[in-house]
């Protein structure tokens, strides 16, 4: 906390608050010293990765996520590979202040159908925008953020390029077990279908406030 770093438009930002642990890296709230703009900065612990290929892959994917600009996707604003940084590699993202969908679902209050439909449309449109560039691989209520009445999908920590020709340099993380598509269990080739599967599970939870029952494994 209190550390400064360079963000969008070469502005200096100061870290003010710890927001939480993402799928890959800690996230902090930060404020621009000139504009007062609030952003979220995600530290990218590349030192924890075993190979240089994995480090390149993660940076590639965060930079690809920077190309996605959609109202239902948390925008990646700036990426630093750590070579000119006091805080190591990091990504600066749009700050979304309204919490996440998981908190809403845990409250246990049935969501009115018209609102549930709005939420599902937001998630579907965000997932479609992401899938034009990436396979997210970790869509779940914790990664669906809320800004006023709009939902935004965030946290690209374990995503993968859609273009299979680049798979040698795409980061291979571990999807959350409760939202993993069947092909994830058997290590099959990932396609956008695994995001479709996860979105379907999130829709089920929005409508029922429950996770779909899973048959016991032998």
Foldseek 3Di string as FASTA:
>chain_A
DQDWDAFAPRFIKGFDAWDAQFLAFTKTWIATPPPRAIWIKGAHPLVVDDDPLQLQQQQVQLVLQQPQDDQQAWHFGDWDCQPPTPRHTMIIIHDAPAAWQVVVLVVVDQDPPVLLVQALVSLVVQLVSCQVFKQQQADDRNQWGDHPSHTHGYDSRAIFTQPVVCRSRHHHDQYDPLLADPCSVVVDDDHSVSVVSSSVQRSVCNRPSDGDDDDDDD
